[in-house]
Amino acid sequence: MNISLAKIINRMAVRDQEMRKKAAKSGIWDLKIDQINTENMKKIIKENGWPTISLAGKKASRNAWLLAQHADCDKDFQKKCLSLMLIVFRNNPNDIAKENIAYLKDRILINEGKKQLFGTQFITNKQNNKLTPRPIKDIKNLEKRRKEYNLPLFLDYLEMAKSHNSKQIKNIG
């Protein structure tokens, strides 16, 4: 395992999460953090390939996905990351968390104005602060897809997301 690589990725993820927590309280989003993290992740991937569990450890591999997930400033980069993650999964399914593939796939679909497949992406209605899922394709097979990608039942996930969202709203007010 590349410990120094893991430390770099984990520090980037800490900055990512700190910025999001501040934004939840202040309403001010620091897009520079996402842009810097995206550029740094491009360099990391160019030098090392996708940060797999065996390369960077479980935590850093998950954090690499988190940074790709938040790279909305570069949708082509998100697609490249998804492609790399799928290659890793095909070659060694134990070297990547399959659920991360589902989250990034949904994020890309939503960013393209399409319906998501796994129901992982939500939006908060600004008028009533209600969290609602973004549109989902083929909803009758949603649970089957979620199960295949190690995701919890949608209603359980929705309740967890609503609980998390209400805590953030309370912190803001």
N, C-alpha and C. Protein backbone atom coordinates (compact mmCIF):
# COMPACT_ATOMS: atom_id res chain seq x y z
N MET A 1 0.84 -1.19 0.00
CA MET A 1 0.00 0.00 0.00
C MET A 1 0.88 1.25 0.00
N ASN A 2 0.45 2.23 -0.75
CA ASN A 2 1.17 3.50 -0.85
C ASN A 2 0.63 4.46 0.23
N ILE A 3 1.29 4.48 1.36
CA ILE A 3 0.83 5.26 2.51
C ILE A 3 0.85 6.76 2.23
N SER A 4 1.88 7.25 1.54
CA SER A 4 1.94 8.69 1.26
C SER A 4 0.81 9.10 0.32
N LEU A 5 0.48 8.27 -0.65
CA LEU A 5 -0.65 8.55 -1.54
C LEU A 5 -1.95 8.58 -0.74
N ALA A 6 -2.11 7.62 0.14
CA ALA A 6 -3.32 7.57 0.97
C ALA A 6 -3.46 8.84 1.81
N LYS A 7 -2.37 9.30 2.38
CA LYS A 7 -2.40 10.52 3.20
C LYS A 7 -2.82 11.73 2.37
N ILE A 8 -2.28 11.84 1.16
CA ILE A 8 -2.62 12.97 0.29
C ILE A 8 -4.12 12.96 -0.03
N ILE A 9 -4.63 11.81 -0.44
CA ILE A 9 -6.06 11.70 -0.79
C ILE A 9 -6.93 11.98 0.43
N ASN A 10 -6.56 11.43 1.57
CA ASN A 10 -7.36 11.63 2.78
C ASN A 10 -7.37 13.10 3.22
N ARG A 11 -6.24 13.80 3.07
CA ARG A 11 -6.21 15.24 3.40
C ARG A 11 -7.12 16.03 2.46
N MET A 12 -7.11 15.66 1.18
CA MET A 12 -7.99 16.33 0.22
C MET A 12 -9.46 16.12 0.61
N ALA A 13 -9.78 14.92 1.02
CA ALA A 13 -11.16 14.61 1.41
C ALA A 13 -11.57 15.38 2.67
N VAL A 14 -10.64 15.56 3.59
CA VAL A 14 -10.94 16.35 4.79
C VAL A 14 -11.28 17.78 4.39
N ARG A 15 -10.50 18.37 3.50
CA ARG A 15 -10.79 19.74 3.03
C ARG A 15 -12.17 19.79 2.34
N ASP A 16 -12.44 18.77 1.52
CA ASP A 16 -13.73 18.66 0.84
C ASP A 16 -14.88 18.69 1.85
N GLN A 17 -14.79 17.87 2.86
CA GLN A 17 -15.87 17.76 3.84
C GLN A 17 -15.96 19.00 4.73
N GLU A 18 -14.83 19.58 5.10
CA GLU A 18 -14.85 20.81 5.90
C GLU A 18 -15.55 21.93 5.14
N MET A 19 -15.25 22.05 3.84
CA MET A 19 -15.89 23.08 3.03
C MET A 19 -17.40 22.85 2.97
N ARG A 20 -17.82 21.61 2.80
CA ARG A 20 -19.25 21.32 2.70
C ARG A 20 -19.97 21.59 4.02
N LYS A 21 -19.32 21.30 5.13
CA LYS A 21 -19.93 21.60 6.43
C LYS A 21 -20.08 23.10 6.64
N LYS A 22 -19.04 23.85 6.25
CA LYS A 22 -19.12 25.32 6.35
C LYS A 22 -20.23 25.85 5.45
N ALA A 23 -20.32 25.31 4.24
CA ALA A 23 -21.34 25.76 3.29
C ALA A 23 -22.75 25.47 3.81
N ALA A 24 -22.91 24.34 4.50
CA ALA A 24 -24.23 24.01 5.05
C ALA A 24 -24.65 25.04 6.10
N LYS A 25 -23.69 25.59 6.82
CA LYS A 25 -24.00 26.58 7.84
C LYS A 25 -24.13 27.99 7.27
N SER A 26 -23.23 28.33 6.34
CA SER A 26 -23.17 29.71 5.86
C SER A 26 -23.90 29.93 4.54
N GLY A 27 -24.11 28.84 3.79
CA GLY A 27 -24.70 28.98 2.47
C GLY A 27 -23.70 29.42 1.41
N ILE A 28 -22.43 29.55 1.80
CA ILE A 28 -21.39 30.00 0.88
C ILE A 28 -20.55 28.79 0.45
N TRP A 29 -20.59 28.52 -0.85
CA TRP A 29 -19.89 27.38 -1.41
C TRP A 29 -18.54 27.82 -1.95
N ASP A 30 -17.48 27.13 -1.56
CA ASP A 30 -16.13 27.46 -2.04
C ASP A 30 -15.76 26.52 -3.18
N LEU A 31 -16.13 26.90 -4.38
CA LEU A 31 -15.90 26.08 -5.56
C LEU A 31 -14.41 25.80 -5.80
N LYS A 32 -13.55 26.67 -5.28
CA LYS A 32 -12.10 26.49 -5.47
C LYS A 32 -11.62 25.16 -4.89
N ILE A 33 -12.22 24.75 -3.77
CA ILE A 33 -11.81 23.48 -3.14
C ILE A 33 -12.05 22.33 -4.11
N ASP A 34 -13.24 22.28 -4.72
CA ASP A 34 -13.55 21.21 -5.68
C ASP A 34 -12.62 21.28 -6.89
N GLN A 35 -12.34 22.49 -7.35
CA GLN A 35 -11.47 22.65 -8.53
C GLN A 35 -10.05 22.19 -8.22
N ILE A 36 -9.53 22.57 -7.08
CA ILE A 36 -8.17 22.17 -6.69
C ILE A 36 -8.10 20.66 -6.49
N ASN A 37 -9.09 20.11 -5.80
CA ASN A 37 -9.11 18.66 -5.59
C ASN A 37 -9.20 17.90 -6.91
N THR A 38 -9.99 18.42 -7.84
CA THR A 38 -10.13 17.77 -9.14
C THR A 38 -8.80 17.77 -9.88
N GLU A 39 -8.13 18.90 -9.90
CA GLU A 39 -6.82 18.97 -10.57
C GLU A 39 -5.81 18.03 -9.91
N ASN A 40 -5.82 17.98 -8.58
CA ASN A 40 -4.90 17.08 -7.87
C ASN A 40 -5.23 15.62 -8.14
N MET A 41 -6.53 15.30 -8.20
CA MET A 41 -6.92 13.92 -8.50
C MET A 41 -6.51 13.53 -9.92
N LYS A 42 -6.57 14.46 -10.86
CA LYS A 42 -6.12 14.17 -12.23
C LYS A 42 -4.64 13.76 -12.22
N LYS A 43 -3.84 14.49 -11.46
CA LYS A 43 -2.40 14.18 -11.37
C LYS A 43 -2.18 12.82 -10.71
N ILE A 44 -2.92 12.58 -9.65
CA ILE A 44 -2.79 11.29 -8.93
C ILE A 44 -3.12 10.14 -9.86
N ILE A 45 -4.21 10.27 -10.59
CA ILE A 45 -4.64 9.19 -11.48
C ILE A 45 -3.66 9.01 -12.64
N LYS A 46 -3.15 10.11 -13.15
CA LYS A 46 -2.17 10.02 -14.24
C LYS A 46 -0.92 9.27 -13.78
N GLU A 47 -0.50 9.51 -12.56
CA GLU A 47 0.72 8.89 -12.04
C GLU A 47 0.51 7.47 -11.50
N ASN A 48 -0.68 7.20 -10.96
CA ASN A 48 -0.89 5.95 -10.23
C ASN A 48 -2.01 5.07 -10.75
N GLY A 49 -2.84 5.59 -11.65
CA GLY A 49 -4.06 4.89 -12.00
C GLY A 49 -5.11 5.16 -10.93
N TRP A 50 -6.24 4.45 -11.02
CA TRP A 50 -7.29 4.67 -10.01
C TRP A 50 -6.79 4.21 -8.64
N PRO A 51 -7.01 5.01 -7.60
CA PRO A 51 -6.59 4.62 -6.24
C PRO A 51 -7.44 3.46 -5.68
N THR A 52 -7.01 2.27 -5.96
CA THR A 52 -7.72 1.07 -5.52
C THR A 52 -7.49 0.81 -4.03
N ILE A 53 -8.21 -0.14 -3.51
CA ILE A 53 -8.04 -0.52 -2.10
C ILE A 53 -6.63 -1.04 -1.87
N SER A 54 -6.13 -1.87 -2.80
CA SER A 54 -4.78 -2.42 -2.62
C SER A 54 -3.70 -1.35 -2.77
N LEU A 55 -3.94 -0.32 -3.57
CA LEU A 55 -2.95 0.74 -3.77
C LEU A 55 -2.95 1.75 -2.62
N ALA A 56 -4.13 2.22 -2.24
CA ALA A 56 -4.22 3.34 -1.30
C ALA A 56 -4.92 3.00 0.02
N GLY A 57 -5.45 1.81 0.15
CA GLY A 57 -6.20 1.44 1.35
C GLY A 57 -7.68 1.73 1.16
N LYS A 58 -8.49 1.12 1.99
CA LYS A 58 -9.95 1.24 1.86
C LYS A 58 -10.44 2.68 2.02
N LYS A 59 -9.93 3.36 3.04
CA LYS A 59 -10.39 4.73 3.32
C LYS A 59 -10.01 5.68 2.17
N ALA A 60 -8.77 5.64 1.73
CA ALA A 60 -8.33 6.54 0.66
C ALA A 60 -9.00 6.20 -0.66
N SER A 61 -9.24 4.92 -0.91
CA SER A 61 -9.93 4.53 -2.14
C SER A 61 -11.35 5.10 -2.14
N ARG A 62 -12.02 5.02 -0.99
CA ARG A 62 -13.36 5.60 -0.88
C ARG A 62 -13.28 7.12 -1.03
N ASN A 63 -12.29 7.72 -0.43
CA ASN A 63 -12.14 9.18 -0.53
C ASN A 63 -11.83 9.62 -1.95
N ALA A 64 -11.11 8.80 -2.71
CA ALA A 64 -10.85 9.12 -4.12
C ALA A 64 -12.18 9.18 -4.86
N TRP A 65 -13.06 8.21 -4.59
CA TRP A 65 -14.40 8.23 -5.19
C TRP A 65 -15.13 9.50 -4.76
N LEU A 66 -15.08 9.85 -3.48
CA LEU A 66 -15.77 11.04 -2.98
C LEU A 66 -15.32 12.29 -3.73
N LEU A 67 -14.04 12.39 -3.96
CA LEU A 67 -13.50 13.55 -4.68
C LEU A 67 -13.95 13.56 -6.14
N ALA A 68 -14.01 12.38 -6.74
CA ALA A 68 -14.53 12.29 -8.11
C ALA A 68 -16.02 12.64 -8.13
N GLN A 69 -16.74 12.19 -7.14
CA GLN A 69 -18.18 12.48 -7.02
C GLN A 69 -18.42 13.99 -6.94
N HIS A 70 -17.53 14.67 -6.29
CA HIS A 70 -17.68 16.13 -6.09
C HIS A 70 -16.98 16.95 -7.17
N ALA A 71 -16.49 16.30 -8.21
CA ALA A 71 -15.80 17.00 -9.30
C ALA A 71 -16.78 17.46 -10.37
N ASP A 72 -17.91 18.02 -9.93
CA ASP A 72 -18.94 18.49 -10.87
C ASP A 72 -18.42 19.58 -11.79
N CYS A 73 -17.32 20.21 -11.43
CA CYS A 73 -16.71 21.25 -12.27
C CYS A 73 -16.07 20.65 -13.52
N ASP A 74 -15.91 19.33 -13.56
CA ASP A 74 -15.30 18.67 -14.71
C ASP A 74 -16.00 17.33 -14.96
N LYS A 75 -17.09 17.41 -15.69
CA LYS A 75 -17.91 16.23 -15.93
C LYS A 75 -17.18 15.16 -16.74
N ASP A 76 -16.29 15.57 -17.64
CA ASP A 76 -15.51 14.59 -18.40
C ASP A 76 -14.59 13.81 -17.47
N PHE A 77 -14.04 14.49 -16.48
CA PHE A 77 -13.19 13.81 -15.49
C PHE A 77 -14.02 12.80 -14.70
N GLN A 78 -15.23 13.17 -14.32
CA GLN A 78 -16.10 12.22 -13.62
C GLN A 78 -16.33 10.97 -14.46
N LYS A 79 -16.57 11.16 -15.75
CA LYS A 79 -16.78 10.01 -16.64
C LYS A 79 -15.53 9.15 -16.73
N LYS A 80 -14.37 9.79 -16.80
CA LYS A 80 -13.12 9.04 -16.84
C LYS A 80 -12.94 8.22 -15.57
N CYS A 81 -13.25 8.83 -14.43
CA CYS A 81 -13.14 8.12 -13.15
C CYS A 81 -14.07 6.91 -13.12
N LEU A 82 -15.30 7.10 -13.59
CA LEU A 82 -16.24 5.98 -13.63
C LEU A 82 -15.70 4.86 -14.51
N SER A 83 -15.17 5.21 -15.65
CA SER A 83 -14.60 4.21 -16.56
C SER A 83 -13.46 3.45 -15.88
N LEU A 84 -12.58 4.17 -15.20
CA LEU A 84 -11.47 3.54 -14.50
C LEU A 84 -11.97 2.62 -13.37
N MET A 85 -12.98 3.08 -12.65
CA MET A 85 -13.55 2.28 -11.56
C MET A 85 -14.16 0.99 -12.11
N LEU A 86 -14.83 1.08 -13.25
CA LEU A 86 -15.44 -0.11 -13.85
C LEU A 86 -14.38 -1.10 -14.31
N ILE A 87 -13.28 -0.60 -14.84
CA ILE A 87 -12.18 -1.48 -15.26
C ILE A 87 -11.61 -2.20 -14.04
N VAL A 88 -11.38 -1.46 -12.96
CA VAL A 88 -10.88 -2.07 -11.73
C VAL A 88 -11.85 -3.15 -11.26
N PHE A 89 -13.14 -2.82 -11.27
CA PHE A 89 -14.13 -3.79 -10.78
C PHE A 89 -14.13 -5.06 -11.63
N ARG A 90 -14.04 -4.90 -12.94
CA ARG A 90 -14.02 -6.08 -13.83
C ARG A 90 -12.78 -6.94 -13.57
N ASN A 91 -11.64 -6.30 -13.33
CA ASN A 91 -10.39 -7.03 -13.12
C ASN A 91 -10.26 -7.63 -11.72
N ASN A 92 -10.76 -6.90 -10.72
CA ASN A 92 -10.67 -7.37 -9.34
C ASN A 92 -11.78 -6.73 -8.52
N PRO A 93 -12.94 -7.37 -8.44
CA PRO A 93 -14.10 -6.78 -7.74
C PRO A 93 -13.84 -6.43 -6.28
N ASN A 94 -12.85 -7.06 -5.67
CA ASN A 94 -12.55 -6.79 -4.26
C ASN A 94 -11.66 -5.58 -4.06
N ASP A 95 -11.22 -4.95 -5.15
CA ASP A 95 -10.28 -3.84 -5.05
C ASP A 95 -10.96 -2.48 -5.14
N ILE A 96 -12.30 -2.49 -5.12
CA ILE A 96 -13.07 -1.25 -5.19
C ILE A 96 -14.44 -1.50 -4.58
N ALA A 97 -15.01 -0.49 -3.97
CA ALA A 97 -16.37 -0.61 -3.40
C ALA A 97 -17.39 -0.42 -4.52
N LYS A 98 -18.15 -1.46 -4.79
CA LYS A 98 -19.10 -1.44 -5.91
C LYS A 98 -20.14 -0.33 -5.77
N GLU A 99 -20.55 -0.04 -4.54
CA GLU A 99 -21.57 0.99 -4.33
C GLU A 99 -21.09 2.37 -4.82
N ASN A 100 -19.78 2.61 -4.75
CA ASN A 100 -19.25 3.88 -5.24
C ASN A 100 -19.48 4.05 -6.73
N ILE A 101 -19.45 2.95 -7.46
CA ILE A 101 -19.72 2.99 -8.89
C ILE A 101 -21.16 3.47 -9.13
N ALA A 102 -22.09 2.95 -8.33
CA ALA A 102 -23.50 3.35 -8.48
C ALA A 102 -23.70 4.84 -8.19
N TYR A 103 -23.09 5.33 -7.14
CA TYR A 103 -23.22 6.75 -6.79
C TYR A 103 -22.67 7.65 -7.91
N LEU A 104 -21.49 7.30 -8.42
CA LEU A 104 -20.89 8.14 -9.46
C LEU A 104 -21.68 8.05 -10.75
N LYS A 105 -22.19 6.87 -11.07
CA LYS A 105 -23.02 6.72 -12.27
C LYS A 105 -24.25 7.62 -12.17
N ASP A 106 -24.92 7.60 -11.01
CA ASP A 106 -26.10 8.47 -10.82
C ASP A 106 -25.72 9.94 -10.93
N ARG A 107 -24.61 10.32 -10.35
CA ARG A 107 -24.18 11.72 -10.37
C ARG A 107 -23.97 12.18 -11.81
N ILE A 108 -23.31 11.35 -12.59
CA ILE A 108 -23.06 11.68 -14.00
C ILE A 108 -24.37 11.80 -14.76
N LEU A 109 -25.27 10.85 -14.56
CA LEU A 109 -26.57 10.89 -15.26
C LEU A 109 -27.32 12.17 -14.92
N ILE A 110 -27.37 12.53 -13.64
CA ILE A 110 -28.07 13.76 -13.23
C ILE A 110 -27.40 14.98 -13.85
N ASN A 111 -26.06 15.01 -13.83
CA ASN A 111 -25.34 16.13 -14.43
C ASN A 111 -25.60 16.26 -15.93
N GLU A 112 -25.97 15.15 -16.56
CA GLU A 112 -26.29 15.16 -18.00
C GLU A 112 -27.76 15.43 -18.25
N GLY A 113 -28.53 15.69 -17.19
CA GLY A 113 -29.96 15.95 -17.34
C GLY A 113 -30.77 14.69 -17.57
N LYS A 114 -30.22 13.54 -17.20
CA LYS A 114 -30.91 12.26 -17.38
C LYS A 114 -31.41 11.74 -16.03
N LYS A 115 -32.22 10.70 -16.09
CA LYS A 115 -32.71 10.07 -14.86
C LYS A 115 -31.63 9.16 -14.29
N GLN A 116 -31.54 9.13 -12.97
CA GLN A 116 -30.58 8.27 -12.30
C GLN A 116 -31.09 6.83 -12.25
N LEU A 117 -30.18 5.89 -12.00
CA LEU A 117 -30.52 4.47 -11.96
C LEU A 117 -30.68 3.91 -10.55
N PHE A 118 -29.97 4.49 -9.58
CA PHE A 118 -29.90 3.88 -8.25
C PHE A 118 -30.56 4.70 -7.15
N GLY A 119 -31.06 5.87 -7.47
CA GLY A 119 -31.74 6.69 -6.47
C GLY A 119 -30.83 7.24 -5.40
N THR A 120 -29.61 7.59 -5.77
CA THR A 120 -28.66 8.10 -4.77
C THR A 120 -28.60 9.61 -4.70
N GLN A 121 -29.20 10.30 -5.67
CA GLN A 121 -29.07 11.75 -5.77
C GLN A 121 -30.38 12.43 -5.41
N PHE A 122 -30.29 13.45 -4.55
CA PHE A 122 -31.46 14.16 -4.05
C PHE A 122 -31.32 15.66 -4.29
N ILE A 123 -32.41 16.34 -4.11
CA ILE A 123 -32.41 17.80 -4.16
C ILE A 123 -33.29 18.30 -3.01
N THR A 124 -32.93 19.42 -2.43
CA THR A 124 -33.73 20.01 -1.37
C THR A 124 -34.60 21.11 -1.96
N ASN A 125 -35.90 21.00 -1.75
CA ASN A 125 -36.83 22.03 -2.19
C ASN A 125 -36.59 23.26 -1.32
N LYS A 126 -36.23 24.37 -1.93
CA LYS A 126 -35.85 25.57 -1.17
C LYS A 126 -37.03 26.21 -0.44
N GLN A 127 -38.26 25.95 -0.92
CA GLN A 127 -39.42 26.56 -0.28
C GLN A 127 -39.81 25.86 1.02
N ASN A 128 -39.70 24.50 1.04
CA ASN A 128 -40.13 23.80 2.25
C ASN A 128 -39.02 22.95 2.88
N ASN A 129 -37.80 23.04 2.33
CA ASN A 129 -36.65 22.28 2.83
C ASN A 129 -36.87 20.77 2.83
N LYS A 130 -37.75 20.27 1.98
CA LYS A 130 -37.99 18.82 1.87
C LYS A 130 -37.00 18.22 0.89
N LEU A 131 -36.39 17.13 1.31
CA LEU A 131 -35.45 16.41 0.48
C LEU A 131 -36.22 15.45 -0.41
N THR A 132 -35.99 15.53 -1.71
CA THR A 132 -36.68 14.63 -2.64
C THR A 132 -35.65 14.03 -3.60
N PRO A 133 -35.90 12.77 -4.00
CA PRO A 133 -34.97 12.16 -4.95
C PRO A 133 -35.09 12.82 -6.31
N ARG A 134 -33.99 12.92 -6.99
CA ARG A 134 -34.02 13.36 -8.38
C ARG A 134 -34.69 12.24 -9.18
N PRO A 135 -35.16 12.54 -10.40
CA PRO A 135 -35.89 11.53 -11.17
C PRO A 135 -35.11 10.22 -11.33
N ILE A 136 -35.84 9.10 -11.22
CA ILE A 136 -35.26 7.77 -11.28
C ILE A 136 -35.84 7.02 -12.47
N LYS A 137 -34.96 6.42 -13.25
CA LYS A 137 -35.35 5.62 -14.41
C LYS A 137 -35.77 4.22 -13.96
N ASP A 138 -36.81 3.70 -14.57
CA ASP A 138 -37.25 2.31 -14.35
C ASP A 138 -37.35 2.00 -12.85
N ILE A 139 -38.21 2.77 -12.20
CA ILE A 139 -38.31 2.68 -10.74
C ILE A 139 -38.75 1.30 -10.25
N LYS A 140 -39.47 0.54 -11.09
CA LYS A 140 -39.93 -0.78 -10.63
C LYS A 140 -38.77 -1.75 -10.41
N ASN A 141 -37.62 -1.51 -11.06
CA ASN A 141 -36.44 -2.36 -10.87
C ASN A 141 -35.37 -1.70 -10.01
N LEU A 142 -35.75 -0.60 -9.34
CA LEU A 142 -34.79 0.14 -8.52
C LEU A 142 -34.16 -0.74 -7.44
N GLU A 143 -34.98 -1.45 -6.67
CA GLU A 143 -34.45 -2.26 -5.56
C GLU A 143 -33.52 -3.35 -6.06
N LYS A 144 -33.82 -3.93 -7.20
CA LYS A 144 -32.97 -4.97 -7.78
C LYS A 144 -31.59 -4.39 -8.11
N ARG A 145 -31.57 -3.19 -8.73
CA ARG A 145 -30.30 -2.55 -9.05
C ARG A 145 -29.54 -2.18 -7.79
N ARG A 146 -30.26 -1.64 -6.81
CA ARG A 146 -29.61 -1.24 -5.56
C ARG A 146 -28.97 -2.44 -4.87
N LYS A 147 -29.69 -3.54 -4.83
CA LYS A 147 -29.16 -4.75 -4.19
C LYS A 147 -27.90 -5.24 -4.90
N GLU A 148 -27.92 -5.20 -6.23
CA GLU A 148 -26.77 -5.65 -7.02
C GLU A 148 -25.52 -4.82 -6.71
N TYR A 149 -25.71 -3.56 -6.32
CA TYR A 149 -24.58 -2.67 -6.04
C TYR A 149 -24.38 -2.44 -4.54
N ASN A 150 -24.87 -3.34 -3.72
CA ASN A 150 -24.66 -3.31 -2.27
C ASN A 150 -25.22 -2.06 -1.60
N LEU A 151 -26.30 -1.52 -2.16
CA LEU A 151 -26.93 -0.34 -1.58
C LEU A 151 -28.11 -0.77 -0.72
N PRO A 152 -28.42 -0.02 0.34
CA PRO A 152 -29.58 -0.38 1.18
C PRO A 152 -30.89 -0.17 0.42
N LEU A 153 -31.96 -0.70 0.97
CA LEU A 153 -33.28 -0.48 0.39
C LEU A 153 -33.50 1.02 0.23
N PHE A 154 -34.17 1.41 -0.83
CA PHE A 154 -34.34 2.83 -1.13
C PHE A 154 -35.04 3.58 0.00
N LEU A 155 -36.12 3.00 0.55
CA LEU A 155 -36.84 3.71 1.61
C LEU A 155 -35.97 3.92 2.85
N ASP A 156 -35.12 2.95 3.16
CA ASP A 156 -34.19 3.10 4.28
C ASP A 156 -33.18 4.22 3.98
N TYR A 157 -32.68 4.24 2.75
CA TYR A 157 -31.73 5.27 2.34
C TYR A 157 -32.39 6.64 2.35
N LEU A 158 -33.61 6.72 1.88
CA LEU A 158 -34.35 7.98 1.87
C LEU A 158 -34.53 8.52 3.29
N GLU A 159 -34.89 7.66 4.22
CA GLU A 159 -35.05 8.10 5.62
C GLU A 159 -33.72 8.58 6.20
N MET A 160 -32.65 7.85 5.89
CA MET A 160 -31.33 8.27 6.37
C MET A 160 -30.95 9.63 5.78
N ALA A 161 -31.20 9.81 4.49
CA ALA A 161 -30.88 11.07 3.83
C ALA A 161 -31.71 12.22 4.40
N LYS A 162 -32.99 11.97 4.66
CA LYS A 162 -33.85 13.01 5.22
C LYS A 162 -33.39 13.38 6.62
N SER A 163 -33.00 12.39 7.40
CA SER A 163 -32.51 12.65 8.76
C SER A 163 -31.25 13.49 8.71
N HIS A 164 -30.33 13.13 7.83
CA HIS A 164 -29.08 13.89 7.68
C HIS A 164 -29.38 15.31 7.23
N ASN A 165 -30.29 15.46 6.29
CA ASN A 165 -30.65 16.77 5.76
C ASN A 165 -31.30 17.65 6.83
N SER A 166 -32.16 17.08 7.65
CA SER A 166 -32.82 17.88 8.69
C SER A 166 -31.83 18.35 9.73
N LYS A 167 -30.80 17.54 10.01
CA LYS A 167 -29.75 17.97 10.95
C LYS A 167 -28.99 19.16 10.38
N GLN A 168 -28.70 19.12 9.07
CA GLN A 168 -27.99 20.23 8.44
C GLN A 168 -28.84 21.49 8.47
N ILE A 169 -30.13 21.35 8.20
CA ILE A 169 -31.03 22.51 8.21
C ILE A 169 -31.10 23.11 9.61
N LYS A 170 -31.17 22.26 10.64
CA LYS A 170 -31.20 22.76 12.02
C LYS A 170 -29.91 23.53 12.33
N ASN A 171 -28.78 23.01 11.81
CA ASN A 171 -27.50 23.70 12.05
C ASN A 171 -27.45 25.06 11.39
N ILE A 172 -28.12 25.19 10.26
CA ILE A 172 -28.12 26.46 9.54
C ILE A 172 -28.93 27.50 10.29
N GLY A 173 -30.10 27.08 10.81
CA GLY A 173 -31.04 28.02 11.42
C GLY A 173 -30.77 28.36 12.81
